[in-house]
Every structure is written in structure tokens, then in C-alpha cells.
Amino acid sequence: MGSVAALRRVKNAIAVARAVLEHTEHTLLVGDQATAFAIAMGFTNESLTSDWSRESHLKWRQNNCQPNYWRAVTPDPQKSCGPYKPLSLKKKSSDHLQQRRTHLVDRTHHDTIGAVAIDAQGRIASGTSTNGATHKIPGRVGDSPIVGAGSYCDQEVGGAAATGDGDVILRYLVSYQAVENMRRGMAPEAAAKEVLGRIPAKFPTAQIGLVVVSAKTGAYAASCLNIVGGFPYVVGVAPGGVQNKTAKCIG
């Protein structure tokens, strides 16, 4: 395995992650050091700012930085861009302490690409790449680079890849658990539904999509939570081309 997080100024993050796998004994590199590694491996150091991203950020600032992921801070993060300071214990209200997660992350607020593949020799691999949740706090790392959360595979069992609310995916390690469910004998669809079914009790509004593939049979399935219209995914089977599919959500 290989991964990078908080990678700056390098466009092809998953290729840098593969370089970590192939050219180091490590698993995860982060931040400026990950960028330095990428440059040493021949990747281009370039600005990734676009007219769209610049305009989007300006509009967000003009809207008092709404939405954002801060809580239990002052000034009120629902009305101000900060800078923030933590509320003292005496000033923290039960509303702050008991605040539940809402639709900060939905299908319009992140850009994860995940894949599970089996080659002609039966070797299985999985991977994810993302720019992260929109308006996240700088330094935040989501599920994509964390093996077992964003994606996971085991040559003897199968693989899985997830997308959606990465902070919730991290809490449940959904990709790892889906593969472990197959190890216990579940088919891909049952494996996906079982792990996603654990989540609504604690995070009823979380939006998550999950694809699962069996290494033994090549069978695959997808499932999801709270995605209106279902979870769209793509299946490519050589030499038959690409099929667009939509999984029904269990919640």
C-alpha cells in the first residue's frame, strides 16, 4: 500500500501514492514533505488554482464562510469567518456539545474517485483519490488516503472503495469491514449493506456510497446511504466495455 495526504501543488495524487508504494518502505506521506517526495519522483510542482476555485472561495468568504466545520468556538462559526478561539468550558452550551452532524458533505460537496480492479491474472487492487470535502478546515485528512477507510483489498478475499462523508467513513472503516464481511462468507451486496447498516443509528444523515468486489468470483455490488436517486457507479468488464449502473440506497 501507499498513500499521500495534504499533498499540495501536485495534480496526480494517486500516482504519487503509487510511487510511495513502489519506491519506499512507508505507507503514508503528508504535507510539504509529500510534495517534496513527489517532485523528487519527477512530478510537476504547479499551481492547482483555477478561475472556478478562486471565484468559489471568494463567494464563500463573502457569505461569512458558510458552511464550515467549526464548532464550540468563538466568534460564532455560523456567522463569522473567524479567526476562532475555543469556548471555555464554562461557556460551552449543551447545544455545542451535543451538536449532530448535518449535510455538510453531500454529493455536491466532494469529488472522490474510487476504484477496485481485477486484472487478467486475477490480481486485485483498489484506490481512491480526492480533493476533499468542500470548505474543510486546512489540514483535514479524510478517508481517501487511509487504507481500510477509503479503499481496501485483500488478494484472497476482494476489495472495496467508498465515497461520501469521509469523516464518518473513517469512524467505521467501511471498506475494510466490507472485505472482512466477505471473508466471513457474505456476498458483495450483503457485505456492503451490513456495514452501511451500522451507520444511521449514530449518523442518520450521512451520505455514503460503497462498491464491493469479490476476488474469488468477480462478483460485484454497490450500496449507499441517503443519496437521492441512488448511487451511480461504473463497471468495466473486458472486452465488453463500460456499463453505467445505479445502486439503491438502504437509507
C-alpha atoms as a PDB file:
ATOM      1  CA  MET A   1       0.000   0.000   0.000  1.00  0.00           C
ATOM      2  CA  GLY A   2       0.991   3.608  -0.479  1.00  0.00           C
ATOM      3  CA  SER A   3      -0.778   6.898   0.186  1.00  0.00           C
ATOM      4  CA  VAL A   4      -0.353  10.654   0.479  1.00  0.00           C
ATOM      5  CA  ALA A   5      -2.376  13.294   2.319  1.00  0.00           C
ATOM      6  CA  ALA A   6      -2.375  17.112   2.406  1.00  0.00           C
ATOM      7  CA  LEU A   7      -0.436  16.964  -0.864  1.00  0.00           C
ATOM      8  CA  ARG A   8      -0.015  20.475  -2.278  1.00  0.00           C
ATOM      9  CA  ARG A   9       0.711  21.710  -5.812  1.00  0.00           C
ATOM     10  CA  VAL A  10       0.866  18.255  -7.418  1.00  0.00           C
ATOM     11  CA  LYS A  11      -2.057  17.273  -9.644  1.00  0.00           C
ATOM     12  CA  ASN A  12      -1.945  13.461  -9.827  1.00  0.00           C
ATOM     13  CA  ALA A  13      -2.224  12.462  -6.180  1.00  0.00           C
ATOM     14  CA  ILE A  14      -2.933   8.766  -6.711  1.00  0.00           C
ATOM     15  CA  ALA A  15       0.132   8.405  -8.930  1.00  0.00           C
ATOM     16  CA  VAL A  16       2.226   9.883  -6.115  1.00  0.00           C
ATOM     17  CA  ALA A  17       0.620   7.364  -3.755  1.00  0.00           C
ATOM     18  CA  ARG A  18       1.694   4.594  -6.111  1.00  0.00           C
ATOM     19  CA  ALA A  19       5.242   5.983  -6.047  1.00  0.00           C
ATOM     20  CA  VAL A  20       5.166   5.689  -2.233  1.00  0.00           C
ATOM     21  CA  LEU A  21       4.164   2.041  -2.668  1.00  0.00           C
ATOM     22  CA  GLU A  22       6.815   1.261  -5.276  1.00  0.00           C
ATOM     23  CA  HIS A  23       9.779   3.338  -4.103  1.00  0.00           C
ATOM     24  CA  THR A  24       9.586   3.430  -0.285  1.00  0.00           C
ATOM     25  CA  GLU A  25       9.091   1.141   2.682  1.00  0.00           C
ATOM     26  CA  HIS A  26       6.498   3.572   4.094  1.00  0.00           C
ATOM     27  CA  THR A  27       2.724   3.673   3.876  1.00  0.00           C
ATOM     28  CA  LEU A  28       1.746   7.357   4.188  1.00  0.00           C
ATOM     29  CA  LEU A  29       3.499  10.654   3.429  1.00  0.00           C
ATOM     30  CA  VAL A  30       1.867  14.008   4.193  1.00  0.00           C
ATOM     31  CA  GLY A  31       2.049  17.755   3.606  1.00  0.00           C
ATOM     32  CA  ASP A  32       5.035  19.612   2.206  1.00  0.00           C
ATOM     33  CA  GLN A  33       7.182  16.514   2.649  1.00  0.00           C
ATOM     34  CA  ALA A  34       4.805  14.588   0.389  1.00  0.00           C
ATOM     35  CA  THR A  35       5.141  17.355  -2.195  1.00  0.00           C
ATOM     36  CA  ALA A  36       8.955  17.221  -1.924  1.00  0.00           C
ATOM     37  CA  PHE A  37       8.823  13.453  -2.424  1.00  0.00           C
ATOM     38  CA  ALA A  38       6.598  13.866  -5.475  1.00  0.00           C
ATOM     39  CA  ILE A  39       8.975  16.380  -7.037  1.00  0.00           C
ATOM     40  CA  ALA A  40      11.900  14.022  -6.397  1.00  0.00           C
ATOM     41  CA  MET A  41       9.928  11.304  -8.206  1.00  0.00           C
ATOM     42  CA  GLY A  42       9.539  13.543 -11.263  1.00  0.00           C
ATOM     43  CA  PHE A  43       6.101  15.060 -10.700  1.00  0.00           C
ATOM     44  CA  THR A  44       5.443  18.695 -11.599  1.00  0.00           C
ATOM     45  CA  ASN A  45       5.162  21.366  -8.910  1.00  0.00           C
ATOM     46  CA  GLU A  46       2.394  23.653 -10.206  1.00  0.00           C
ATOM     47  CA  SER A  47      -0.448  25.851  -9.043  1.00  0.00           C
ATOM     48  CA  LEU A  48      -3.755  23.995  -8.943  1.00  0.00           C
ATOM     49  CA  THR A  49      -5.815  27.178  -8.527  1.00  0.00           C
ATOM     50  CA  SER A  50      -8.381  27.763 -11.277  1.00  0.00           C
ATOM     51  CA  ASP A  51     -10.724  30.629 -12.084  1.00  0.00           C
ATOM     52  CA  TRP A  52     -13.564  28.460 -10.768  1.00  0.00           C
ATOM     53  CA  SER A  53     -11.855  27.656  -7.460  1.00  0.00           C
ATOM     54  CA  ARG A  54     -10.829  31.283  -6.939  1.00  0.00           C
ATOM     55  CA  GLU A  55     -14.381  32.521  -7.577  1.00  0.00           C
ATOM     56  CA  SER A  56     -15.898  29.787  -5.403  1.00  0.00           C
ATOM     57  CA  HIS A  57     -13.631  30.678  -2.477  1.00  0.00           C
ATOM     58  CA  LEU A  58     -14.403  34.393  -2.824  1.00  0.00           C
ATOM     59  CA  LYS A  59     -18.165  33.744  -2.737  1.00  0.00           C
ATOM     60  CA  TRP A  60     -17.724  31.523   0.321  1.00  0.00           C
ATOM     61  CA  ARG A  61     -15.798  34.263   2.147  1.00  0.00           C
ATOM     62  CA  GLN A  62     -18.445  36.838   1.206  1.00  0.00           C
ATOM     63  CA  ASN A  63     -21.086  34.505   2.669  1.00  0.00           C
ATOM     64  CA  ASN A  64     -19.366  34.583   6.095  1.00  0.00           C
ATOM     65  CA  CYS A  65     -17.587  31.287   5.320  1.00  0.00           C
ATOM     66  CA  GLN A  66     -20.798  29.244   5.264  1.00  0.00           C
ATOM     67  CA  PRO A  67     -20.885  26.305   5.555  1.00  0.00           C
ATOM     68  CA  ASN A  68     -17.871  25.306   7.634  1.00  0.00           C
ATOM     69  CA  TYR A  69     -16.812  22.583  10.042  1.00  0.00           C
ATOM     70  CA  TRP A  70     -16.049  24.562  13.202  1.00  0.00           C
ATOM     71  CA  ARG A  71     -17.965  24.166  16.454  1.00  0.00           C
ATOM     72  CA  ALA A  72     -17.686  25.161  20.126  1.00  0.00           C
ATOM     73  CA  VAL A  73     -15.621  28.221  19.174  1.00  0.00           C
ATOM     74  CA  THR A  74     -15.964  31.995  19.270  1.00  0.00           C
ATOM     75  CA  PRO A  75     -16.942  34.026  17.301  1.00  0.00           C
ATOM     76  CA  ASP A  76     -19.988  32.050  16.161  1.00  0.00           C
ATOM     77  CA  PRO A  77     -18.795  29.907  13.213  1.00  0.00           C
ATOM     78  CA  GLN A  78     -22.304  30.074  11.719  1.00  0.00           C
ATOM     79  CA  LYS A  79     -21.936  33.845  11.342  1.00  0.00           C
ATOM     80  CA  SER A  80     -18.223  34.575  11.089  1.00  0.00           C
ATOM     81  CA  CYS A  81     -15.029  33.548   9.277  1.00  0.00           C
ATOM     82  CA  GLY A  82     -13.014  33.834  12.473  1.00  0.00           C
ATOM     83  CA  PRO A  83     -10.193  33.604  13.436  1.00  0.00           C
ATOM     84  CA  TYR A  84     -11.636  31.305  16.078  1.00  0.00           C
ATOM     85  CA  LYS A  85     -10.817  30.579  19.674  1.00  0.00           C
ATOM     86  CA  PRO A  86     -12.187  27.674  21.723  1.00  0.00           C
ATOM     87  CA  LEU A  87     -15.080  28.399  24.045  1.00  0.00           C
ATOM     88  CA  SER A  88     -14.180  27.981  27.683  1.00  0.00           C
ATOM     89  CA  LEU A  89     -15.728  25.041  29.493  1.00  0.00           C
ATOM     90  CA  LYS A  90     -17.964  27.452  31.408  1.00  0.00           C
ATOM     91  CA  LYS A  91     -19.303  28.959  28.187  1.00  0.00           C
ATOM     92  CA  LYS A  92     -19.816  25.738  26.256  1.00  0.00           C
ATOM     93  CA  SER A  93     -23.507  25.012  25.940  1.00  0.00           C
ATOM     94  CA  SER A  94     -25.161  21.649  25.635  1.00  0.00           C
ATOM     95  CA  ASP A  95     -26.090  22.673  22.087  1.00  0.00           C
ATOM     96  CA  HIS A  96     -22.403  22.839  21.199  1.00  0.00           C
ATOM     97  CA  LEU A  97     -21.531  19.627  22.984  1.00  0.00           C
ATOM     98  CA  GLN A  98     -24.446  17.698  21.509  1.00  0.00           C
ATOM     99  CA  GLN A  99     -24.314  19.170  18.003  1.00  0.00           C
ATOM    100  CA  ARG A 100     -25.063  16.460  15.436  1.00  0.00           C
ATOM    101  CA  ARG A 101     -23.564  16.186  12.026  1.00  0.00           C
ATOM    102  CA  THR A 102     -25.684  17.565   9.185  1.00  0.00           C
ATOM    103  CA  HIS A 103     -25.395  17.673   5.416  1.00  0.00           C
ATOM    104  CA  LEU A 104     -22.022  19.440   5.343  1.00  0.00           C
ATOM    105  CA  VAL A 105     -20.960  16.702   2.938  1.00  0.00           C
ATOM    106  CA  ASP A 106     -23.250  15.536   0.173  1.00  0.00           C
ATOM    107  CA  ARG A 107     -22.869  14.542  -3.456  1.00  0.00           C
ATOM    108  CA  THR A 108     -22.147  18.185  -4.471  1.00  0.00           C
ATOM    109  CA  HIS A 109     -19.517  18.877  -1.816  1.00  0.00           C
ATOM    110  CA  HIS A 110     -16.748  16.380  -2.549  1.00  0.00           C
ATOM    111  CA  ASP A 111     -15.077  14.771  -5.535  1.00  0.00           C
ATOM    112  CA  THR A 112     -13.838  11.310  -4.623  1.00  0.00           C
ATOM    113  CA  ILE A 113     -12.928   8.844  -7.348  1.00  0.00           C
ATOM    114  CA  GLY A 114     -12.626   5.245  -6.116  1.00  0.00           C
ATOM    115  CA  ALA A 115     -11.873   2.044  -7.995  1.00  0.00           C
ATOM    116  CA  VAL A 116     -11.486  -1.682  -7.445  1.00  0.00           C
ATOM    117  CA  ALA A 117      -9.953  -3.719 -10.270  1.00  0.00           C
ATOM    118  CA  ILE A 118      -9.071  -7.336 -11.060  1.00  0.00           C
ATOM    119  CA  ASP A 119      -6.589  -7.953 -13.887  1.00  0.00           C
ATOM    120  CA  ALA A 120      -6.275 -10.879 -16.301  1.00  0.00           C
ATOM    121  CA  GLN A 121      -4.051 -12.733 -13.818  1.00  0.00           C
ATOM    122  CA  GLY A 122      -6.642 -12.384 -11.066  1.00  0.00           C
ATOM    123  CA  ARG A 123      -4.673  -9.785  -9.103  1.00  0.00           C
ATOM    124  CA  ILE A 124      -6.847  -7.268  -7.265  1.00  0.00           C
ATOM    125  CA  ALA A 125      -6.129  -3.633  -6.408  1.00  0.00           C
ATOM    126  CA  SER A 126      -8.090  -0.689  -5.041  1.00  0.00           C
ATOM    127  CA  GLY A 127      -7.538   3.036  -4.797  1.00  0.00           C
ATOM    128  CA  THR A 128      -9.154   6.408  -4.147  1.00  0.00           C
ATOM    129  CA  SER A 129      -8.245   9.994  -4.954  1.00  0.00           C
ATOM    130  CA  THR A 130      -9.949  13.224  -3.903  1.00  0.00           C
ATOM    131  CA  ASN A 131      -9.569  16.938  -3.387  1.00  0.00           C
ATOM    132  CA  GLY A 132     -11.503  16.517  -0.141  1.00  0.00           C
ATOM    133  CA  ALA A 133     -14.728  17.950   1.230  1.00  0.00           C
ATOM    134  CA  THR A 134     -15.534  21.494   0.126  1.00  0.00           C
ATOM    135  CA  HIS A 135     -14.711  24.193   2.719  1.00  0.00           C
ATOM    136  CA  LYS A 136     -12.877  21.776   5.007  1.00  0.00           C
ATOM    137  CA  ILE A 137     -10.578  23.116   7.724  1.00  0.00           C
ATOM    138  CA  PRO A 138      -6.995  23.347   6.358  1.00  0.00           C
ATOM    139  CA  GLY A 139      -5.050  20.247   7.346  1.00  0.00           C
ATOM    140  CA  ARG A 140      -8.078  17.977   7.452  1.00  0.00           C
ATOM    141  CA  VAL A 141      -7.448  14.439   6.177  1.00  0.00           C
ATOM    142  CA  GLY A 142     -10.445  12.389   5.109  1.00  0.00           C
ATOM    143  CA  ASP A 143     -10.966   8.749   4.321  1.00  0.00           C
ATOM    144  CA  SER A 144      -9.396   8.581   0.852  1.00  0.00           C
ATOM    145  CA  PRO A 145      -5.717   8.142   1.824  1.00  0.00           C
ATOM    146  CA  ILE A 146      -6.444   5.935   4.822  1.00  0.00           C
ATOM    147  CA  VAL A 147      -6.273   2.297   3.764  1.00  0.00           C
ATOM    148  CA  GLY A 148      -9.280   0.481   5.180  1.00  0.00           C
ATOM    149  CA  ALA A 149     -11.478   3.571   5.080  1.00  0.00           C
ATOM    150  CA  GLY A 150     -11.468   4.985   1.538  1.00  0.00           C
ATOM    151  CA  SER A 151     -10.461   1.692  -0.027  1.00  0.00           C
ATOM    152  CA  TYR A 152      -9.128  -1.733   0.914  1.00  0.00           C
ATOM    153  CA  CYS A 153      -8.387  -5.029  -0.777  1.00  0.00           C
ATOM    154  CA  ASP A 154      -7.140  -8.480   0.115  1.00  0.00           C
ATOM    155  CA  GLN A 155      -5.903 -10.762  -2.644  1.00  0.00           C
ATOM    156  CA  GLU A 156      -7.615 -13.771  -1.111  1.00  0.00           C
ATOM    157  CA  VAL A 157     -10.974 -12.095  -0.498  1.00  0.00           C
ATOM    158  CA  GLY A 158     -11.771  -8.989  -2.522  1.00  0.00           C
ATOM    159  CA  GLY A 159     -11.813  -5.222  -2.453  1.00  0.00           C
ATOM    160  CA  ALA A 160     -13.987  -2.206  -1.693  1.00  0.00           C
ATOM    161  CA  ALA A 161     -13.962   1.543  -2.260  1.00  0.00           C
ATOM    162  CA  ALA A 162     -16.069   4.226  -0.584  1.00  0.00           C
ATOM    163  CA  THR A 163     -17.125   7.800  -1.234  1.00  0.00           C
ATOM    164  CA  GLY A 164     -19.152  10.387   0.626  1.00  0.00           C
ATOM    165  CA  ASP A 165     -18.810  11.724   4.157  1.00  0.00           C
ATOM    166  CA  GLY A 166     -15.184  10.836   4.780  1.00  0.00           C
ATOM    167  CA  ASP A 167     -15.197  11.654   8.484  1.00  0.00           C
ATOM    168  CA  VAL A 168     -17.980   9.123   9.030  1.00  0.00           C
ATOM    169  CA  ILE A 169     -16.328   6.571   6.711  1.00  0.00           C
ATOM    170  CA  LEU A 170     -13.200   6.878   8.873  1.00  0.00           C
ATOM    171  CA  ARG A 171     -15.172   6.079  12.009  1.00  0.00           C
ATOM    172  CA  TYR A 172     -16.482   2.818  10.568  1.00  0.00           C
ATOM    173  CA  LEU A 173     -13.619   1.752   8.246  1.00  0.00           C
ATOM    174  CA  VAL A 174     -16.322   0.725   5.800  1.00  0.00           C
ATOM    175  CA  SER A 175     -14.029  -0.600   3.066  1.00  0.00           C
ATOM    176  CA  TYR A 176     -12.109  -2.846   5.440  1.00  0.00           C
ATOM    177  CA  GLN A 177     -15.266  -4.093   7.099  1.00  0.00           C
ATOM    178  CA  ALA A 178     -16.943  -4.863   3.780  1.00  0.00           C
ATOM    179  CA  VAL A 179     -13.979  -7.033   2.776  1.00  0.00           C
ATOM    180  CA  GLU A 180     -13.996  -8.721   6.168  1.00  0.00           C
ATOM    181  CA  ASN A 181     -17.698  -9.415   5.722  1.00  0.00           C
ATOM    182  CA  MET A 182     -16.864 -11.256   2.501  1.00  0.00           C
ATOM    183  CA  ARG A 183     -14.164 -13.186   4.356  1.00  0.00           C
ATOM    184  CA  ARG A 184     -16.938 -14.364   6.665  1.00  0.00           C
ATOM    185  CA  GLY A 185     -18.870 -15.673   3.678  1.00  0.00           C
ATOM    186  CA  MET A 186     -21.114 -12.786   2.671  1.00  0.00           C
ATOM    187  CA  ALA A 187     -21.752 -11.940  -0.978  1.00  0.00           C
ATOM    188  CA  PRO A 188     -20.668  -8.428  -2.080  1.00  0.00           C
ATOM    189  CA  GLU A 189     -24.140  -6.889  -1.821  1.00  0.00           C
ATOM    190  CA  ALA A 190     -24.775  -8.275   1.656  1.00  0.00           C
ATOM    191  CA  ALA A 191     -21.268  -7.236   2.737  1.00  0.00           C
ATOM    192  CA  ALA A 192     -21.883  -3.654   1.647  1.00  0.00           C
ATOM    193  CA  LYS A 193     -25.342  -3.391   3.189  1.00  0.00           C
ATOM    194  CA  GLU A 194     -24.252  -4.856   6.521  1.00  0.00           C
ATOM    195  CA  VAL A 195     -21.527  -2.305   7.179  1.00  0.00           C
ATOM    196  CA  LEU A 196     -23.561   0.665   5.938  1.00  0.00           C
ATOM    197  CA  GLY A 197     -26.455  -0.518   8.072  1.00  0.00           C
ATOM    198  CA  ARG A 198     -24.422   0.172  11.208  1.00  0.00           C
ATOM    199  CA  ILE A 199     -24.126   3.891  10.495  1.00  0.00           C
ATOM    200  CA  PRO A 200     -27.623   5.502  10.626  1.00  0.00           C
ATOM    201  CA  ALA A 201     -28.043   4.892  14.362  1.00  0.00           C
ATOM    202  CA  LYS A 202     -25.234   7.385  15.030  1.00  0.00           C
ATOM    203  CA  PHE A 203     -25.153   9.426  11.805  1.00  0.00           C
ATOM    204  CA  PRO A 204     -28.644   9.332  10.294  1.00  0.00           C
ATOM    205  CA  THR A 205     -27.958  11.944   7.598  1.00  0.00           C
ATOM    206  CA  ALA A 206     -24.549  10.698   6.392  1.00  0.00           C
ATOM    207  CA  GLN A 207     -24.281  10.257   2.620  1.00  0.00           C
ATOM    208  CA  ILE A 208     -22.047   7.330   1.633  1.00  0.00           C
ATOM    209  CA  GLY A 209     -21.604   5.140  -1.432  1.00  0.00           C
ATOM    210  CA  LEU A 210     -19.726   1.820  -1.389  1.00  0.00           C
ATOM    211  CA  VAL A 211     -18.647  -0.615  -4.112  1.00  0.00           C
ATOM    212  CA  VAL A 212     -17.518  -4.162  -3.270  1.00  0.00           C
ATOM    213  CA  VAL A 213     -15.856  -6.797  -5.491  1.00  0.00           C
ATOM    214  CA  SER A 214     -15.155 -10.475  -4.780  1.00  0.00           C
ATOM    215  CA  ALA A 215     -11.664 -11.651  -5.721  1.00  0.00           C
ATOM    216  CA  LYS A 216     -12.835 -15.263  -5.884  1.00  0.00           C
ATOM    217  CA  THR A 217     -15.778 -14.909  -8.256  1.00  0.00           C
ATOM    218  CA  GLY A 218     -15.507 -11.424  -9.738  1.00  0.00           C
ATOM    219  CA  ALA A 219     -19.000 -10.693  -8.447  1.00  0.00           C
ATOM    220  CA  TYR A 220     -19.608  -7.060  -7.533  1.00  0.00           C
ATOM    221  CA  ALA A 221     -22.230  -4.872  -5.910  1.00  0.00           C
ATOM    222  CA  ALA A 222     -22.781  -1.371  -4.586  1.00  0.00           C
ATOM    223  CA  SER A 223     -24.892   0.139  -1.847  1.00  0.00           C
ATOM    224  CA  CYS A 224     -25.421   3.580  -0.349  1.00  0.00           C
ATOM    225  CA  LEU A 225     -26.943   5.778   2.344  1.00  0.00           C
ATOM    226  CA  ASN A 226     -29.060   8.898   1.831  1.00  0.00           C
ATOM    227  CA  ILE A 227     -28.184   9.575  -1.810  1.00  0.00           C
ATOM    228  CA  VAL A 228     -31.268  10.850  -3.619  1.00  0.00           C
ATOM    229  CA  GLY A 229     -31.832   8.839  -6.773  1.00  0.00           C
ATOM    230  CA  GLY A 230     -29.338   6.153  -5.737  1.00  0.00           C
ATOM    231  CA  PHE A 231     -25.577   5.795  -6.088  1.00  0.00           C
ATOM    232  CA  PRO A 232     -24.237   5.884  -9.681  1.00  0.00           C
ATOM    233  CA  TYR A 233     -21.175   3.763 -10.429  1.00  0.00           C
ATOM    234  CA  VAL A 234     -19.425   2.358 -13.481  1.00  0.00           C
ATOM    235  CA  VAL A 235     -18.481  -1.236 -14.278  1.00  0.00           C
ATOM    236  CA  GLY A 236     -15.935  -2.108 -16.946  1.00  0.00           C
ATOM    237  CA  VAL A 237     -15.546  -5.746 -17.987  1.00  0.00           C
ATOM    238  CA  ALA A 238     -13.111  -6.562 -20.797  1.00  0.00           C
ATOM    239  CA  PRO A 239     -13.843  -6.878 -23.625  1.00  0.00           C
ATOM    240  CA  GLY A 240     -17.439  -5.815 -23.127  1.00  0.00           C
ATOM    241  CA  GLY A 241     -16.819  -2.144 -22.413  1.00  0.00           C
ATOM    242  CA  VAL A 242     -18.346   0.070 -19.744  1.00  0.00           C
ATOM    243  CA  GLN A 243     -21.741  -0.137 -18.081  1.00  0.00           C
ATOM    244  CA  ASN A 244     -23.322   2.664 -16.049  1.00  0.00           C
ATOM    245  CA  LYS A 245     -25.275   1.399 -13.065  1.00  0.00           C
ATOM    246  CA  THR A 246     -27.146   2.859 -10.096  1.00  0.00           C
ATOM    247  CA  ALA A 247     -27.372   1.203  -6.686  1.00  0.00           C
ATOM    248  CA  LYS A 248     -30.430   1.634  -4.494  1.00  0.00           C
ATOM    249  CA  CYS A 249     -29.760   3.084  -1.057  1.00  0.00           C
ATOM    250  CA  ILE A 250     -30.688   1.269   2.125  1.00  0.00           C
ATOM    251  CA  GLY A 251     -31.457   4.563   3.825  1.00  0.00           C
END
